[in-house]
Amino acid sequence: MNDQIDTVMAEGGAKPVNSSDYADLLEAPHSDAFAFSSLEQQALHLYDQLRDFELQQSLLKSQNKDDALQEQLIAAEREAMDAKGEYELRNQISHNVLAMEPVLKAVHGGEQTASAEKRLLPLVTERDTVSMVHASLASKLSATSKALRLTEKANLEANAVNKDLSQTILALAEEMRTQSLKDVEDPDLHKRITAVEKDARKSRRQMKVLKGVLANMIVGSGIDWAEDEVLRELVMDDEEDD
């Protein structure tokens, strides 16, 4: 299908213009019909210069007022803080007037208390009850948390003591093993025992490495391993072997 052809009427007659060509669309057949005089062109040029000068002047003024603007910003922040304080104070006063006064009348008003305020009394009683329960639970939670922290501290200290004792036992066992090995008089048996012990030490080192990797994976996974007995034994057993 052929492109759409528009016809533009010009003084020289009809001229076909392709609407898909921006160059054709931007053509103005009467672009030279109007022309400024030299005086008008000079006036426009001077006007452009005046606007440039005004722009430069405003930029210079804004640069000179940077310090003043900073002071204004500081003053505005101070005023905003004062306004916030006044707002909070006003809200507190409104709360005391609109909320506390009816509550006081409901509790201490006696027979002259209005019916609407009397209806608040059961709610006030429930609120006070909930507040007392909350305070009691908060106190118990604080005491439990303190006891838990003390228990955790004691557990860490006990683990440190167990670690020292384990190292002492291992040292004593190694000393006894060395003495027992020296008592073996048969050279072949002594050699075989030495080889077996070497393999055992190698196996223990490999096992220790594997346990360390496993313990690091458990701790690094983010799971609560302290609450799981199996995982806790794996991690703590690795710590005791260090």
C-alpha atoms as a PDB file:
ATOM      1  CA  MET A   1       0.000   0.000   0.000  1.00  0.00           C
ATOM      2  CA  ASN A   2       1.391   3.386  -0.986  1.00  0.00           C
ATOM      3  CA  ASP A   3       2.390   5.924   1.668  1.00  0.00           C
ATOM      4  CA  GLN A   4      -0.185   8.557   2.463  1.00  0.00           C
ATOM      5  CA  ILE A   5       0.340  11.685   0.394  1.00  0.00           C
ATOM      6  CA  ASP A   6      -0.656  15.083   1.759  1.00  0.00           C
ATOM      7  CA  THR A   7      -1.073  18.110  -0.409  1.00  0.00           C
ATOM      8  CA  VAL A   8       0.179  21.456   0.815  1.00  0.00           C
ATOM      9  CA  MET A   9      -1.132  24.540  -0.882  1.00  0.00           C
ATOM     10  CA  ALA A  10       1.562  27.023  -1.757  1.00  0.00           C
ATOM     11  CA  GLU A  11       1.679  30.141  -3.867  1.00  0.00           C
ATOM     12  CA  GLY A  12       3.355  28.259  -6.691  1.00  0.00           C
ATOM     13  CA  GLY A  13       0.637  25.598  -6.741  1.00  0.00           C
ATOM     14  CA  ALA A  14       0.028  22.209  -5.084  1.00  0.00           C
ATOM     15  CA  LYS A  15       3.080  20.349  -3.763  1.00  0.00           C
ATOM     16  CA  PRO A  16       2.921  16.677  -2.750  1.00  0.00           C
ATOM     17  CA  VAL A  17       4.367  16.057   0.733  1.00  0.00           C
ATOM     18  CA  ASN A  18       5.126  12.616   2.166  1.00  0.00           C
ATOM     19  CA  SER A  19       3.787  12.536   5.770  1.00  0.00           C
ATOM     20  CA  SER A  20       6.309   9.858   6.721  1.00  0.00           C
ATOM     21  CA  ASP A  21       9.227  12.168   5.956  1.00  0.00           C
ATOM     22  CA  TYR A  22       9.932  14.635   8.798  1.00  0.00           C
ATOM     23  CA  ALA A  23      11.898  16.907   6.479  1.00  0.00           C
ATOM     24  CA  ASP A  24       8.834  17.344   4.293  1.00  0.00           C
ATOM     25  CA  LEU A  25       6.571  17.899   7.299  1.00  0.00           C
ATOM     26  CA  LEU A  26       8.853  20.594   8.674  1.00  0.00           C
ATOM     27  CA  GLU A  27       8.946  22.520   5.450  1.00  0.00           C
ATOM     28  CA  ALA A  28       7.146  25.899   5.604  1.00  0.00           C
ATOM     29  CA  PRO A  29       6.282  27.199   2.142  1.00  0.00           C
ATOM     30  CA  HIS A  30       5.718  30.688   3.544  1.00  0.00           C
ATOM     31  CA  SER A  31       8.811  30.799   5.799  1.00  0.00           C
ATOM     32  CA  ASP A  32      10.233  33.797   3.956  1.00  0.00           C
ATOM     33  CA  ALA A  33       6.971  35.719   3.856  1.00  0.00           C
ATOM     34  CA  PHE A  34       7.868  37.689   7.029  1.00  0.00           C
ATOM     35  CA  ALA A  35      11.238  39.245   7.837  1.00  0.00           C
ATOM     36  CA  PHE A  36      12.345  41.505  10.704  1.00  0.00           C
ATOM     37  CA  SER A  37      13.800  44.859   9.900  1.00  0.00           C
ATOM     38  CA  SER A  38      17.350  45.644  11.004  1.00  0.00           C
ATOM     39  CA  LEU A  39      16.036  47.814  13.852  1.00  0.00           C
ATOM     40  CA  GLU A  40      13.718  45.055  15.064  1.00  0.00           C
ATOM     41  CA  GLN A  41      16.507  42.487  14.920  1.00  0.00           C
ATOM     42  CA  GLN A  42      18.749  44.801  16.952  1.00  0.00           C
ATOM     43  CA  ALA A  43      15.993  45.302  19.551  1.00  0.00           C
ATOM     44  CA  LEU A  44      15.506  41.537  19.870  1.00  0.00           C
ATOM     45  CA  HIS A  45      19.245  41.020  20.205  1.00  0.00           C
ATOM     46  CA  LEU A  46      19.443  43.628  22.972  1.00  0.00           C
ATOM     47  CA  TYR A  47      16.475  42.017  24.721  1.00  0.00           C
ATOM     48  CA  ASP A  48      18.233  38.638  24.675  1.00  0.00           C
ATOM     49  CA  GLN A  49      21.348  40.238  26.143  1.00  0.00           C
ATOM     50  CA  LEU A  50      19.264  41.874  28.871  1.00  0.00           C
ATOM     51  CA  ARG A  51      17.761  38.535  29.852  1.00  0.00           C
ATOM     52  CA  ASP A  52      21.240  36.977  29.983  1.00  0.00           C
ATOM     53  CA  PHE A  53      22.457  39.789  32.240  1.00  0.00           C
ATOM     54  CA  GLU A  54      19.447  39.355  34.529  1.00  0.00           C
ATOM     55  CA  LEU A  55      20.128  35.613  34.769  1.00  0.00           C
ATOM     56  CA  GLN A  56      23.791  36.180  35.624  1.00  0.00           C
ATOM     57  CA  GLN A  57      22.820  38.801  38.194  1.00  0.00           C
ATOM     58  CA  SER A  58      20.374  36.445  39.899  1.00  0.00           C
ATOM     59  CA  LEU A  59      23.039  33.713  39.998  1.00  0.00           C
ATOM     60  CA  LEU A  60      25.526  36.087  41.602  1.00  0.00           C
ATOM     61  CA  LYS A  61      22.962  37.161  44.188  1.00  0.00           C
ATOM     62  CA  SER A  62      22.132  33.561  45.031  1.00  0.00           C
ATOM     63  CA  GLN A  63      25.824  32.768  45.544  1.00  0.00           C
ATOM     64  CA  ASN A  64      26.271  35.762  47.819  1.00  0.00           C
ATOM     65  CA  LYS A  65      23.274  34.702  49.896  1.00  0.00           C
ATOM     66  CA  ASP A  66      24.461  31.148  50.602  1.00  0.00           C
ATOM     67  CA  ASP A  67      25.479  32.041  54.163  1.00  0.00           C
ATOM     68  CA  ALA A  68      22.237  33.878  54.769  1.00  0.00           C
ATOM     69  CA  LEU A  69      20.300  30.947  53.326  1.00  0.00           C
ATOM     70  CA  GLN A  70      22.109  28.550  55.661  1.00  0.00           C
ATOM     71  CA  GLU A  71      21.183  30.722  58.622  1.00  0.00           C
ATOM     72  CA  GLN A  72      17.593  30.776  57.419  1.00  0.00           C
ATOM     73  CA  LEU A  73      17.583  26.983  57.182  1.00  0.00           C
ATOM     74  CA  ILE A  74      18.912  26.678  60.726  1.00  0.00           C
ATOM     75  CA  ALA A  75      16.286  29.118  61.948  1.00  0.00           C
ATOM     76  CA  ALA A  76      13.599  27.202  60.059  1.00  0.00           C
ATOM     77  CA  GLU A  77      14.712  23.914  61.648  1.00  0.00           C
ATOM     78  CA  ARG A  78      14.627  25.535  65.079  1.00  0.00           C
ATOM     79  CA  GLU A  79      11.156  26.889  64.403  1.00  0.00           C
ATOM     80  CA  ALA A  80      10.048  23.451  63.207  1.00  0.00           C
ATOM     81  CA  MET A  81      11.305  21.860  66.436  1.00  0.00           C
ATOM     82  CA  ASP A  82       9.535  24.513  68.492  1.00  0.00           C
ATOM     83  CA  ALA A  83       6.355  23.943  66.521  1.00  0.00           C
ATOM     84  CA  LYS A  84       6.644  20.183  67.058  1.00  0.00           C
ATOM     85  CA  GLY A  85       7.109  20.708  70.794  1.00  0.00           C
ATOM     86  CA  GLU A  86       4.087  22.987  70.953  1.00  0.00           C
ATOM     87  CA  TYR A  87       2.081  20.454  68.952  1.00  0.00           C
ATOM     88  CA  GLU A  88       2.994  17.594  71.289  1.00  0.00           C
ATOM     89  CA  LEU A  89       2.283  19.739  74.345  1.00  0.00           C
ATOM     90  CA  ARG A  90      -1.073  20.755  72.933  1.00  0.00           C
ATOM     91  CA  ASN A  91      -1.918  17.137  72.188  1.00  0.00           C
ATOM     92  CA  GLN A  92      -0.934  16.144  75.719  1.00  0.00           C
ATOM     93  CA  ILE A  93      -3.140  18.855  77.188  1.00  0.00           C
ATOM     94  CA  SER A  94      -6.004  17.828  74.910  1.00  0.00           C
ATOM     95  CA  HIS A  95      -5.545  14.210  75.976  1.00  0.00           C
ATOM     96  CA  ASN A  96      -5.618  15.174  79.629  1.00  0.00           C
ATOM     97  CA  VAL A  97      -8.744  17.251  79.171  1.00  0.00           C
ATOM     98  CA  LEU A  98     -10.636  14.917  76.859  1.00  0.00           C
ATOM     99  CA  ALA A  99      -9.533  11.567  78.316  1.00  0.00           C
ATOM    100  CA  MET A 100      -8.283  11.928  81.865  1.00  0.00           C
ATOM    101  CA  GLU A 101     -10.973  14.232  83.177  1.00  0.00           C
ATOM    102  CA  PRO A 102     -13.882  11.909  82.245  1.00  0.00           C
ATOM    103  CA  VAL A 103     -11.963   8.987  83.752  1.00  0.00           C
ATOM    104  CA  LEU A 104     -11.411  10.870  87.004  1.00  0.00           C
ATOM    105  CA  LYS A 105     -15.070  11.793  87.137  1.00  0.00           C
ATOM    106  CA  ALA A 106     -16.060   8.191  86.471  1.00  0.00           C
ATOM    107  CA  VAL A 107     -13.872   6.973  89.346  1.00  0.00           C
ATOM    108  CA  HIS A 108     -14.339   9.772  91.888  1.00  0.00           C
ATOM    109  CA  GLY A 109     -17.463  11.576  90.739  1.00  0.00           C
ATOM    110  CA  GLY A 110     -19.943   9.778  92.951  1.00  0.00           C
ATOM    111  CA  GLU A 111     -23.656  10.182  92.410  1.00  0.00           C
ATOM    112  CA  GLN A 112     -23.276  13.390  90.423  1.00  0.00           C
ATOM    113  CA  THR A 113     -21.353  11.629  87.678  1.00  0.00           C
ATOM    114  CA  ALA A 114     -23.050  11.719  84.286  1.00  0.00           C
ATOM    115  CA  SER A 115     -24.327   8.476  82.800  1.00  0.00           C
ATOM    116  CA  ALA A 116     -21.828   8.638  79.922  1.00  0.00           C
ATOM    117  CA  GLU A 117     -18.969   8.890  82.384  1.00  0.00           C
ATOM    118  CA  LYS A 118     -20.368   6.098  84.550  1.00  0.00           C
ATOM    119  CA  ARG A 119     -20.199   3.815  81.533  1.00  0.00           C
ATOM    120  CA  LEU A 120     -16.431   4.315  81.553  1.00  0.00           C
ATOM    121  CA  LEU A 121     -15.990   2.824  85.025  1.00  0.00           C
ATOM    122  CA  PRO A 122     -16.054  -0.880  83.976  1.00  0.00           C
ATOM    123  CA  LEU A 123     -13.613  -0.098  81.175  1.00  0.00           C
ATOM    124  CA  VAL A 124     -11.333   1.737  83.586  1.00  0.00           C
ATOM    125  CA  THR A 125     -11.439  -1.238  85.934  1.00  0.00           C
ATOM    126  CA  GLU A 126     -10.526  -3.605  83.125  1.00  0.00           C
ATOM    127  CA  ARG A 127      -7.737  -1.293  82.014  1.00  0.00           C
ATOM    128  CA  ASP A 128      -6.294  -1.166  85.523  1.00  0.00           C
ATOM    129  CA  THR A 129      -6.514  -4.944  85.806  1.00  0.00           C
ATOM    130  CA  VAL A 130      -4.741  -5.443  82.496  1.00  0.00           C
ATOM    131  CA  SER A 131      -2.084  -2.922  83.546  1.00  0.00           C
ATOM    132  CA  MET A 132      -1.428  -4.785  86.793  1.00  0.00           C
ATOM    133  CA  VAL A 133      -1.218  -8.126  84.981  1.00  0.00           C
ATOM    134  CA  HIS A 134       1.132  -6.591  82.428  1.00  0.00           C
ATOM    135  CA  ALA A 135       3.353  -5.175  85.172  1.00  0.00           C
ATOM    136  CA  SER A 136       3.446  -8.538  86.928  1.00  0.00           C
ATOM    137  CA  LEU A 137       4.324 -10.412  83.733  1.00  0.00           C
ATOM    138  CA  ALA A 138       6.952  -7.830  82.841  1.00  0.00           C
ATOM    139  CA  SER A 139       8.537  -8.268  86.266  1.00  0.00           C
ATOM    140  CA  LYS A 140       8.553 -12.055  85.896  1.00  0.00           C
ATOM    141  CA  LEU A 141       9.998 -11.766  82.404  1.00  0.00           C
ATOM    142  CA  SER A 142      12.767  -9.516  83.678  1.00  0.00           C
ATOM    143  CA  ALA A 143      13.587 -11.936  86.506  1.00  0.00           C
ATOM    144  CA  THR A 144      13.536 -14.919  84.135  1.00  0.00           C
ATOM    145  CA  SER A 145      15.770 -13.130  81.644  1.00  0.00           C
ATOM    146  CA  LYS A 146      18.224 -12.280  84.414  1.00  0.00           C
ATOM    147  CA  ALA A 147      18.250 -15.894  85.627  1.00  0.00           C
ATOM    148  CA  LEU A 148      18.766 -17.085  82.050  1.00  0.00           C
ATOM    149  CA  ARG A 149      21.746 -14.777  81.594  1.00  0.00           C
ATOM    150  CA  LEU A 150      23.280 -16.009  84.849  1.00  0.00           C
ATOM    151  CA  THR A 151      22.700 -19.623  83.823  1.00  0.00           C
ATOM    152  CA  GLU A 152      24.270 -19.060  80.423  1.00  0.00           C
ATOM    153  CA  LYS A 153      27.270 -17.426  82.084  1.00  0.00           C
ATOM    154  CA  ALA A 154      27.620 -20.350  84.505  1.00  0.00           C
ATOM    155  CA  ASN A 155      27.297 -22.778  81.600  1.00  0.00           C
ATOM    156  CA  LEU A 156      30.109 -21.046  79.716  1.00  0.00           C
ATOM    157  CA  GLU A 157      32.295 -21.129  82.819  1.00  0.00           C
ATOM    158  CA  ALA A 158      31.523 -24.825  83.327  1.00  0.00           C
ATOM    159  CA  ASN A 159      32.383 -25.553  79.694  1.00  0.00           C
ATOM    160  CA  ALA A 160      35.711 -23.767  80.147  1.00  0.00           C
ATOM    161  CA  VAL A 161      36.450 -25.856  83.255  1.00  0.00           C
ATOM    162  CA  ASN A 162      35.477 -29.039  81.417  1.00  0.00           C
ATOM    163  CA  LYS A 163      37.759 -28.088  78.554  1.00  0.00           C
ATOM    164  CA  ASP A 164      40.704 -27.619  80.930  1.00  0.00           C
ATOM    165  CA  LEU A 165      39.958 -30.920  82.653  1.00  0.00           C
ATOM    166  CA  SER A 166      39.707 -32.711  79.312  1.00  0.00           C
ATOM    167  CA  GLN A 167      43.077 -31.357  78.247  1.00  0.00           C
ATOM    168  CA  THR A 168      44.571 -32.470  81.571  1.00  0.00           C
ATOM    169  CA  ILE A 169      43.135 -35.967  81.174  1.00  0.00           C
ATOM    170  CA  LEU A 170      44.437 -36.202  77.611  1.00  0.00           C
ATOM    171  CA  ALA A 171      47.887 -35.107  78.769  1.00  0.00           C
ATOM    172  CA  LEU A 172      47.897 -37.735  81.532  1.00  0.00           C
ATOM    173  CA  ALA A 173      46.692 -40.414  79.123  1.00  0.00           C
ATOM    174  CA  GLU A 174      49.425 -39.493  76.648  1.00  0.00           C
ATOM    175  CA  GLU A 175      52.013 -39.686  79.411  1.00  0.00           C
ATOM    176  CA  MET A 176      50.792 -43.122  80.501  1.00  0.00           C
ATOM    177  CA  ARG A 177      50.737 -44.330  76.895  1.00  0.00           C
ATOM    178  CA  THR A 178      54.337 -43.208  76.374  1.00  0.00           C
ATOM    179  CA  GLN A 179      55.450 -44.996  79.511  1.00  0.00           C
ATOM    180  CA  SER A 180      53.604 -48.171  78.486  1.00  0.00           C
ATOM    181  CA  LEU A 181      55.172 -48.070  75.044  1.00  0.00           C
ATOM    182  CA  LYS A 182      58.641 -47.815  76.545  1.00  0.00           C
ATOM    183  CA  ASP A 183      57.979 -50.969  78.558  1.00  0.00           C
ATOM    184  CA  VAL A 184      57.530 -53.033  75.373  1.00  0.00           C
ATOM    185  CA  GLU A 185      60.788 -54.913  74.787  1.00  0.00           C
ATOM    186  CA  ASP A 186      59.907 -56.737  71.539  1.00  0.00           C
ATOM    187  CA  PRO A 187      61.163 -54.562  68.627  1.00  0.00           C
ATOM    188  CA  ASP A 188      58.588 -55.886  66.134  1.00  0.00           C
ATOM    189  CA  LEU A 189      55.710 -55.382  68.558  1.00  0.00           C
ATOM    190  CA  HIS A 190      57.020 -51.934  69.438  1.00  0.00           C
ATOM    191  CA  LYS A 191      57.140 -51.041  65.741  1.00  0.00           C
ATOM    192  CA  ARG A 192      53.612 -52.330  65.126  1.00  0.00           C
ATOM    193  CA  ILE A 193      52.248 -50.418  68.121  1.00  0.00           C
ATOM    194  CA  THR A 194      53.974 -47.257  66.921  1.00  0.00           C
ATOM    195  CA  ALA A 195      52.463 -47.656  63.431  1.00  0.00           C
ATOM    196  CA  VAL A 196      48.985 -48.259  64.838  1.00  0.00           C
ATOM    197  CA  GLU A 197      49.249 -45.214  67.078  1.00  0.00           C
ATOM    198  CA  LYS A 198      50.417 -43.131  64.118  1.00  0.00           C
ATOM    199  CA  ASP A 199      47.382 -44.232  62.106  1.00  0.00           C
ATOM    200  CA  ALA A 200      45.154 -43.519  65.086  1.00  0.00           C
ATOM    201  CA  ARG A 201      46.544 -40.000  65.446  1.00  0.00           C
ATOM    202  CA  LYS A 202      46.013 -39.394  61.738  1.00  0.00           C
ATOM    203  CA  SER A 203      42.432 -40.636  61.982  1.00  0.00           C
ATOM    204  CA  ARG A 204      41.803 -38.428  65.006  1.00  0.00           C
ATOM    205  CA  ARG A 205      43.126 -35.385  63.137  1.00  0.00           C
ATOM    206  CA  GLN A 206      40.878 -36.131  60.163  1.00  0.00           C
ATOM    207  CA  MET A 207      37.922 -36.655  62.455  1.00  0.00           C
ATOM    208  CA  LYS A 208      38.682 -33.388  64.239  1.00  0.00           C
ATOM    209  CA  VAL A 209      38.771 -31.524  60.925  1.00  0.00           C
ATOM    210  CA  LEU A 210      35.468 -33.047  59.832  1.00  0.00           C
ATOM    211  CA  LYS A 211      33.863 -32.246  63.176  1.00  0.00           C
ATOM    212  CA  GLY A 212      35.145 -28.677  62.962  1.00  0.00           C
ATOM    213  CA  VAL A 213      33.694 -28.231  59.475  1.00  0.00           C
ATOM    214  CA  LEU A 214      30.385 -29.725  60.593  1.00  0.00           C
ATOM    215  CA  ALA A 215      30.250 -27.522  63.704  1.00  0.00           C
ATOM    216  CA  ASN A 216      30.995 -24.395  61.642  1.00  0.00           C
ATOM    217  CA  MET A 217      28.252 -25.332  59.189  1.00  0.00           C
ATOM    218  CA  ILE A 218      25.772 -25.766  62.049  1.00  0.00           C
ATOM    219  CA  VAL A 219      26.708 -22.469  63.719  1.00  0.00           C
ATOM    220  CA  GLY A 220      26.816 -20.570  60.427  1.00  0.00           C
ATOM    221  CA  SER A 221      23.434 -21.885  59.295  1.00  0.00           C
ATOM    222  CA  GLY A 222      21.644 -19.643  61.785  1.00  0.00           C
ATOM    223  CA  ILE A 223      19.544 -22.422  63.302  1.00  0.00           C
ATOM    224  CA  ASP A 224      19.019 -22.525  67.054  1.00  0.00           C
ATOM    225  CA  TRP A 225      21.488 -25.341  67.688  1.00  0.00           C
ATOM    226  CA  ALA A 226      21.601 -24.637  71.444  1.00  0.00           C
ATOM    227  CA  GLU A 227      18.011 -25.895  71.787  1.00  0.00           C
ATOM    228  CA  ASP A 228      18.709 -29.183  69.961  1.00  0.00           C
ATOM    229  CA  GLU A 229      20.533 -31.797  72.037  1.00  0.00           C
ATOM    230  CA  VAL A 230      22.205 -33.557  69.100  1.00  0.00           C
ATOM    231  CA  LEU A 231      23.367 -30.352  67.420  1.00  0.00           C
ATOM    232  CA  ARG A 232      24.481 -28.923  70.749  1.00  0.00           C
ATOM    233  CA  GLU A 233      26.621 -31.990  71.440  1.00  0.00           C
ATOM    234  CA  LEU A 234      28.214 -31.738  67.997  1.00  0.00           C
ATOM    235  CA  VAL A 235      29.116 -28.064  68.421  1.00  0.00           C
ATOM    236  CA  MET A 236      30.188 -28.261  72.070  1.00  0.00           C
ATOM    237  CA  ASP A 237      32.135 -31.466  71.499  1.00  0.00           C
ATOM    238  CA  ASP A 238      34.083 -29.718  68.755  1.00  0.00           C
ATOM    239  CA  GLU A 239      34.814 -26.814  71.097  1.00  0.00           C
ATOM    240  CA  GLU A 240      36.099 -29.194  73.757  1.00  0.00           C
ATOM    241  CA  ASP A 241      38.446 -30.812  71.233  1.00  0.00           C
ATOM    242  CA  ASP A 242      40.104 -27.476  70.365  1.00  0.00           C
END
